[in-house]
Amino acid sequence: MTTGKDGPGKGATGRVLVVDDDPGIRKTLDVNLRARGYVTDVAGTAEQALELAARHHPDLVVLDLGLPGMDGLDVVRGLRGWTSVPIVVLSGRDTESTKVQALDLGADDYVTKPFGMDELFARLRAAMRRAVLPEGAAVMSTPDFTIDFAAKQVTRDGEPVRLTPRQWHIVEVLVRNAGRLVTHEQLLHEVWGPSYGTETNYLRVFMTQIRQRLEPVPSRPRYFITEPGMGFRFEAESLP
């Protein structure tokens, strides 16, 4: 079953694709989203979800993993092949390995069923805010590298820099918050998921890797600055 609304209604705040095999959850989310001004499309299978996403280019996808036929993780893979649309996984699977796999494939957040509607909508709003490009630009250039947000690609001297999905996500979060402190807890929540918040050793390892790939002198960071005991900051003053 799929239902598509052909255009944004009055006061709409974005288009959301809801993917869940449970008709009750689809209806509940559809009603609550429309009540908050969103335009909605709903799908009960992975195939329908990918078709609707290609047709309507949603601003956000709410995705259940336990779908008939193709798995929800296949939807994440399929979407990430051509779009950076925020994906919030909504699933009864609460094992750490499943969460890590979904986030590594490119999901932006993971909410475990049963869920509170207020918390879910706070997560959706946060995911959509993070998807807004800095100053409306699709590309940010520095004297040493260029970041293409739409392509999820960093280049140095015209050559692509290989970043893992987590490395890219850290870079993306910091650059989207250029000039502002991003705390350890915030960065862990955004990149690893809401169940993380104290694993600062993860951040130290990944930040070292990012600096080795992007900083002109990794031991003296110019762009990715450590705020001791607090977090990290992308130094916007380094931009031309």
Protein backbone atom coordinates (compact mmCIF):
# COMPACT_ATOMS: atom_id res chain seq x y z
CA MET A 1 0.00 0.00 0.00
CA THR A 2 1.34 3.43 -0.89
CA THR A 3 -0.17 6.85 -0.59
CA GLY A 4 1.37 9.96 -2.09
CA LYS A 5 0.36 13.57 -1.74
CA ASP A 6 1.21 15.40 -4.92
CA GLY A 7 2.36 18.68 -3.49
CA PRO A 8 3.08 20.49 -0.25
CA GLY A 9 0.08 21.79 1.59
CA LYS A 10 -0.28 25.22 3.06
CA GLY A 11 2.37 25.79 5.72
CA ALA A 12 4.14 22.49 4.96
CA THR A 13 7.55 22.14 6.54
CA GLY A 14 8.94 19.39 4.34
CA ARG A 15 8.14 16.09 2.63
CA VAL A 16 8.57 12.87 4.62
CA LEU A 17 8.55 9.30 3.31
CA VAL A 18 7.29 6.82 5.93
CA VAL A 19 8.30 3.18 5.34
CA ASP A 20 6.79 0.54 7.64
CA ASP A 21 5.05 -2.79 7.08
CA ASP A 22 2.64 -2.14 9.98
CA PRO A 23 -0.47 -0.32 8.65
CA GLY A 24 -1.23 1.04 12.12
CA ILE A 25 2.18 2.69 12.48
CA ARG A 26 1.99 4.03 8.92
CA LYS A 27 -1.38 5.62 9.63
CA THR A 28 -0.29 7.03 13.01
CA LEU A 29 2.83 8.62 11.57
CA ASP A 30 0.99 9.86 8.50
CA VAL A 31 -1.68 11.58 10.62
CA ASN A 32 0.83 13.08 13.05
CA LEU A 33 3.14 14.31 10.31
CA ARG A 34 0.35 15.96 8.35
CA ALA A 35 -1.00 17.54 11.55
CA ARG A 36 2.41 19.20 11.96
CA GLY A 37 2.43 20.56 8.42
CA TYR A 38 4.49 17.91 6.64
CA VAL A 39 3.64 16.41 3.26
CA THR A 40 3.76 12.61 3.43
CA ASP A 41 4.26 9.55 1.29
CA VAL A 42 3.85 6.10 2.88
CA ALA A 43 5.10 2.70 1.77
CA GLY A 44 4.77 -0.82 3.14
CA THR A 45 7.68 -2.43 1.26
CA ALA A 46 11.25 -1.60 0.33
CA GLU A 47 10.43 -1.62 -3.36
CA GLN A 48 7.60 0.88 -2.90
CA ALA A 49 9.84 3.04 -0.74
CA LEU A 50 12.60 3.27 -3.34
CA GLU A 51 10.06 4.01 -6.06
CA LEU A 52 8.44 6.83 -4.07
CA ALA A 53 11.79 8.29 -3.06
CA ALA A 54 12.91 8.44 -6.69
CA ARG A 55 9.60 10.00 -7.75
CA HIS A 56 9.11 12.59 -5.01
CA HIS A 57 12.62 13.28 -3.57
CA PRO A 58 11.56 13.53 0.10
CA ASP A 59 13.28 15.80 2.62
CA LEU A 60 13.46 12.95 5.15
CA VAL A 61 12.83 9.19 5.32
CA VAL A 62 11.45 7.38 8.38
CA LEU A 63 12.38 3.73 7.83
CA ASP A 64 11.47 0.46 9.54
CA LEU A 65 14.05 -2.29 9.09
CA GLY A 66 11.70 -5.30 9.33
CA LEU A 67 10.14 -5.12 5.88
CA PRO A 68 8.81 -8.02 3.76
CA GLY A 69 11.05 -9.02 0.89
CA MET A 70 13.95 -6.58 0.73
CA ASP A 71 15.25 -5.55 4.15
CA GLY A 72 15.21 -1.97 5.41
CA LEU A 73 19.00 -1.97 5.31
CA ASP A 74 18.70 -2.53 1.56
CA VAL A 75 16.63 0.65 1.39
CA VAL A 76 19.43 2.55 3.13
CA ARG A 77 21.93 1.15 0.64
CA GLY A 78 19.67 1.98 -2.29
CA LEU A 79 19.05 5.55 -1.18
CA ARG A 80 22.67 6.25 -0.36
CA GLY A 81 23.57 5.28 -3.91
CA TRP A 82 22.12 8.56 -5.17
CA THR A 83 20.84 10.81 -2.37
CA SER A 84 21.96 12.24 0.97
CA VAL A 85 18.37 12.58 2.26
CA PRO A 86 18.28 12.20 6.07
CA ILE A 87 17.20 8.71 7.12
CA VAL A 88 15.80 8.04 10.59
CA VAL A 89 15.51 4.32 11.29
CA LEU A 90 12.48 3.35 13.38
CA SER A 91 12.82 -0.29 14.35
CA GLY A 92 12.10 -2.97 16.91
CA ARG A 93 15.60 -4.31 16.42
CA ASP A 94 17.55 -2.86 19.34
CA THR A 95 20.82 -4.80 19.19
CA GLU A 96 23.97 -2.70 19.06
CA SER A 97 25.24 -4.54 15.97
CA THR A 98 22.08 -3.67 14.01
CA LYS A 99 22.27 -0.02 15.06
CA VAL A 100 25.93 0.18 14.08
CA GLN A 101 25.26 -1.46 10.72
CA ALA A 102 22.40 0.94 9.92
CA LEU A 103 24.44 3.99 10.91
CA ASP A 104 27.51 2.77 9.03
CA LEU A 105 25.42 2.33 5.89
CA GLY A 106 24.37 5.96 6.11
CA ALA A 107 21.32 6.23 8.39
CA ASP A 108 21.33 9.49 10.35
CA ASP A 109 19.57 8.32 13.52
CA TYR A 110 18.07 5.20 15.08
CA VAL A 111 14.90 5.16 17.19
CA THR A 112 13.82 1.92 18.87
CA LYS A 113 10.18 0.85 19.04
CA PRO A 114 8.11 1.49 21.09
CA PHE A 115 8.78 5.21 20.81
CA GLY A 116 7.39 8.47 22.17
CA MET A 117 5.93 10.75 19.51
CA ASP A 118 7.50 13.90 20.99
CA GLU A 119 10.98 12.32 21.02
CA LEU A 120 10.54 11.01 17.49
CA PHE A 121 9.60 14.42 16.12
CA ALA A 122 12.51 16.03 17.94
CA ARG A 123 14.79 13.50 16.21
CA LEU A 124 13.17 14.21 12.83
CA ARG A 125 13.60 17.97 13.24
CA ALA A 126 17.24 17.53 14.26
CA ALA A 127 17.97 15.29 11.26
CA MET A 128 16.41 17.82 8.88
CA ARG A 129 18.34 20.70 10.48
CA ARG A 130 21.61 18.82 10.01
CA ALA A 131 20.76 18.35 6.35
CA VAL A 132 20.71 22.11 5.70
CA LEU A 133 23.91 23.06 3.91
CA PRO A 134 26.05 25.76 5.54
CA GLU A 135 24.92 29.17 4.33
CA GLY A 136 22.84 27.39 1.68
CA ALA A 137 25.95 26.25 -0.20
CA ALA A 138 26.47 22.78 -1.63
CA VAL A 139 30.27 23.17 -1.65
CA MET A 140 32.67 24.58 0.93
CA SER A 141 36.23 25.32 -0.13
CA THR A 142 39.32 25.94 1.98
CA PRO A 143 42.87 26.68 0.79
CA ASP A 144 43.69 22.99 1.30
CA PHE A 145 40.59 20.96 0.44
CA THR A 146 37.04 21.21 -0.94
CA ILE A 147 33.94 19.59 0.56
CA ASP A 148 31.04 18.70 -1.73
CA PHE A 149 28.08 17.99 0.56
CA ALA A 150 25.73 16.75 -2.13
CA ALA A 151 28.28 14.23 -3.42
CA LYS A 152 29.57 13.44 0.11
CA GLN A 153 33.07 13.90 -1.26
CA VAL A 154 36.25 15.71 -0.18
CA THR A 155 38.98 16.56 -2.68
CA ARG A 156 42.58 17.76 -2.22
CA ASP A 157 44.50 19.13 -5.16
CA GLY A 158 41.71 17.91 -7.41
CA GLU A 159 41.98 14.33 -6.17
CA PRO A 160 39.29 12.61 -4.06
CA VAL A 161 40.14 11.89 -0.44
CA ARG A 162 38.92 8.52 0.78
CA LEU A 163 36.88 8.85 3.96
CA THR A 164 34.92 6.11 5.70
CA PRO A 165 31.21 6.80 6.36
CA ARG A 166 31.96 7.69 9.99
CA GLN A 167 34.88 9.94 9.07
CA TRP A 168 32.67 11.74 6.56
CA HIS A 169 29.85 12.12 9.09
CA ILE A 170 32.22 13.69 11.65
CA VAL A 171 33.55 16.11 9.03
CA GLU A 172 30.01 16.93 7.93
CA VAL A 173 28.75 17.65 11.46
CA LEU A 174 31.74 19.85 12.31
CA VAL A 175 31.68 21.82 9.05
CA ARG A 176 27.91 22.35 9.20
CA ASN A 177 28.56 23.90 12.62
CA ALA A 178 31.57 25.92 11.43
CA GLY A 179 32.95 28.21 14.11
CA ARG A 180 30.90 26.58 16.88
CA LEU A 181 31.96 24.07 19.51
CA VAL A 182 30.50 20.61 18.97
CA THR A 183 30.70 18.74 22.27
CA HIS A 184 31.96 15.18 22.57
CA GLU A 185 28.48 14.04 23.56
CA GLN A 186 26.79 15.82 20.66
CA LEU A 187 29.24 14.41 18.14
CA LEU A 188 28.88 10.89 19.49
CA HIS A 189 25.08 11.16 19.44
CA GLU A 190 25.02 12.43 15.88
CA VAL A 191 27.58 10.03 14.41
CA TRP A 192 27.27 6.84 16.50
CA GLY A 193 23.70 7.23 17.75
CA PRO A 194 21.78 8.23 20.88
CA SER A 195 23.09 5.37 23.03
CA TYR A 196 26.63 6.80 22.81
CA GLY A 197 27.91 9.77 24.77
CA THR A 198 31.03 8.93 26.77
CA GLU A 199 33.21 7.05 24.25
CA THR A 200 35.59 9.96 23.67
CA ASN A 201 38.35 7.51 22.70
CA TYR A 202 36.39 6.84 19.49
CA LEU A 203 36.54 10.54 18.64
CA ARG A 204 40.28 10.81 19.31
CA VAL A 205 41.02 7.94 16.94
CA PHE A 206 38.76 9.21 14.16
CA MET A 207 39.89 12.82 14.51
CA THR A 208 43.52 11.71 14.15
CA GLN A 209 42.59 9.88 10.95
CA ILE A 210 40.69 12.90 9.58
CA ARG A 211 43.58 15.25 10.29
CA GLN A 212 46.01 12.90 8.59
CA ARG A 213 43.89 13.05 5.47
CA LEU A 214 42.91 16.73 5.42
CA GLU A 215 45.17 18.91 7.54
CA PRO A 216 48.29 20.40 5.88
CA VAL A 217 50.22 19.66 9.09
CA PRO A 218 48.25 17.05 11.09
CA SER A 219 50.21 17.69 14.30
CA ARG A 220 49.27 21.40 14.16
CA PRO A 221 45.60 21.42 13.09
CA ARG A 222 44.43 24.47 11.19
CA TYR A 223 40.83 23.43 10.59
CA PHE A 224 39.77 20.67 12.98
CA ILE A 225 40.49 22.18 16.36
CA THR A 226 40.34 20.37 19.71
CA GLU A 227 38.64 22.19 22.59
CA PRO A 228 40.28 20.31 25.52
CA GLY A 229 37.80 18.47 27.69
CA MET A 230 34.83 19.76 25.70
CA GLY A 231 34.81 18.77 22.03
CA PHE A 232 35.88 19.93 18.58
CA ARG A 233 35.40 22.91 16.31
CA PHE A 234 35.82 23.48 12.60
CA GLU A 235 37.67 26.77 12.29
CA ALA A 236 35.68 28.88 9.86
CA GLU A 237 38.27 31.69 9.98
CA SER A 238 40.55 29.46 7.95
CA LEU A 239 38.22 29.81 5.00
CA PRO A 240 39.19 32.29 2.27
